[in-house]
Amino acid sequence: MIIGIGCDIVEISRIANALNKPVIQRILSEKEQEIANQYPDKRKAEWIAGRFAAKEAIYKAIHKVVDCTISDIEVLQDDTGAPVCTCFDYDVMISIAHEKEYAMLMQWF
């Protein structure tokens, strides 16, 4: 049974402009920050934009059934590099896409 569907799009340049601002630390978990810091700035901005879009979409899909905030949501990756959200007792399916200036996510829960 699908509980909710979320979608979000993020302009990568907005994230690139905020890379060294505290807002990034408030958005990402410690594990997500460790992963993001392994990338050079351009790829790092793309990666964070995808995670931010994922968190927004997941929140939109679940906020009526799960009491949470964006910072409670953690989007990591499996052994193949595919994004996964394991912070809830629900099966959260995620697909992140990047295209030139944008990162978007489609998610169902």
Protein backbone atom coordinates (compact mmCIF):
# COMPACT_ATOMS: atom_id res chain seq x y z
CA MET A 1 0.00 0.00 0.00
CA ILE A 2 1.34 3.44 -0.92
CA ILE A 3 1.03 5.91 1.96
CA GLY A 4 2.35 8.98 0.16
CA ILE A 5 4.16 10.24 -2.91
CA GLY A 6 6.65 13.10 -2.95
CA CYS A 7 8.54 14.94 -5.66
CA ASP A 8 11.03 17.80 -5.43
CA ILE A 9 13.48 19.65 -7.66
CA VAL A 10 16.53 21.66 -6.57
CA GLU A 11 18.67 24.09 -8.53
CA ILE A 12 22.24 22.82 -8.06
CA SER A 13 23.73 26.34 -8.18
CA ARG A 14 21.75 27.28 -5.04
CA ILE A 15 23.45 24.43 -3.21
CA ALA A 16 26.86 25.30 -4.71
CA ASN A 17 26.48 28.86 -3.38
CA ALA A 18 25.68 27.50 0.10
CA LEU A 19 28.39 24.82 0.36
CA ASN A 20 30.30 26.61 3.11
CA LYS A 21 27.26 27.88 5.01
CA PRO A 22 25.85 26.32 8.20
CA VAL A 23 22.59 25.43 6.45
CA ILE A 24 24.35 22.46 4.79
CA GLN A 25 25.31 21.03 8.18
CA ARG A 26 21.70 21.41 9.34
CA ILE A 27 20.37 19.58 6.27
CA LEU A 28 22.80 16.63 6.22
CA SER A 29 23.39 13.95 8.84
CA GLU A 30 26.95 13.27 9.96
CA LYS A 31 27.16 10.22 7.67
CA GLU A 32 25.82 12.25 4.73
CA GLN A 33 28.39 14.99 5.42
CA GLU A 34 31.20 12.41 5.44
CA ILE A 35 30.10 11.10 2.03
CA ALA A 36 29.62 14.59 0.56
CA ASN A 37 33.06 15.70 1.72
CA GLN A 38 34.68 12.97 -0.40
CA TYR A 39 33.63 14.75 -3.60
CA PRO A 40 35.14 17.80 -5.35
CA ASP A 41 32.94 20.92 -5.04
CA LYS A 42 31.01 20.58 -8.34
CA ARG A 43 30.10 16.94 -7.72
CA LYS A 44 29.57 17.68 -4.02
CA ALA A 45 26.94 20.32 -4.89
CA GLU A 46 25.18 17.85 -7.23
CA TRP A 47 25.23 15.14 -4.57
CA ILE A 48 23.89 17.44 -1.83
CA ALA A 49 21.22 18.84 -4.16
CA GLY A 50 20.03 15.29 -4.84
CA ARG A 51 19.93 14.50 -1.11
CA PHE A 52 18.12 17.74 -0.33
CA ALA A 53 15.53 17.00 -3.04
CA ALA A 54 15.17 13.49 -1.61
CA LYS A 55 14.65 14.75 1.92
CA GLU A 56 12.06 17.30 0.76
CA ALA A 57 10.17 14.68 -1.26
CA ILE A 58 10.26 12.13 1.55
CA TYR A 59 9.02 14.73 4.01
CA LYS A 60 6.17 15.69 1.67
CA ALA A 61 5.17 12.03 1.39
CA ILE A 62 5.34 11.10 5.08
CA HIS A 63 4.80 14.17 7.25
CA LYS A 64 1.13 13.31 7.80
CA VAL A 65 1.92 9.83 9.16
CA VAL A 66 5.40 10.30 10.69
CA ASP A 67 6.35 13.16 13.01
CA CYS A 68 9.71 14.27 11.60
CA THR A 69 11.74 17.15 10.23
CA ILE A 70 14.01 17.34 7.18
CA SER A 71 17.06 16.79 9.40
CA ASP A 72 15.55 13.53 10.74
CA ILE A 73 15.62 12.06 7.24
CA GLU A 74 18.86 10.34 6.19
CA VAL A 75 19.52 9.34 2.58
CA LEU A 76 22.56 7.11 2.18
CA GLN A 77 23.46 4.65 -0.58
CA ASP A 78 23.54 0.90 -0.98
CA ASP A 79 26.49 -1.16 -2.26
CA THR A 80 25.68 -0.20 -5.86
CA GLY A 81 25.51 3.53 -5.07
CA ALA A 82 21.70 3.69 -5.30
CA PRO A 83 20.08 6.05 -2.77
CA VAL A 84 18.29 4.50 0.21
CA CYS A 85 16.36 5.90 3.15
CA THR A 86 16.44 3.60 6.16
CA CYS A 87 15.43 5.92 8.98
CA PHE A 88 11.79 4.84 9.17
CA ASP A 89 9.99 1.54 9.66
CA TYR A 90 8.54 1.86 6.16
CA ASP A 91 9.77 0.85 2.73
CA VAL A 92 10.80 4.17 1.18
CA MET A 93 11.59 3.94 -2.55
CA ILE A 94 13.80 6.69 -3.99
CA SER A 95 15.03 7.73 -7.41
CA ILE A 96 17.34 10.76 -7.74
CA ALA A 97 18.09 12.37 -11.12
CA HIS A 98 20.49 15.16 -12.14
CA GLU A 99 20.22 17.17 -15.36
CA LYS A 100 22.54 20.10 -16.00
CA GLU A 101 21.44 22.68 -13.40
CA TYR A 102 18.87 20.58 -11.54
CA ALA A 103 18.52 17.59 -9.27
CA MET A 104 15.11 16.03 -8.76
CA LEU A 105 13.63 13.18 -6.86
CA MET A 106 10.60 10.99 -7.19
CA GLN A 107 9.71 9.06 -4.10
CA TRP A 108 6.88 6.86 -2.92
CA PHE A 109 6.25 5.61 0.54
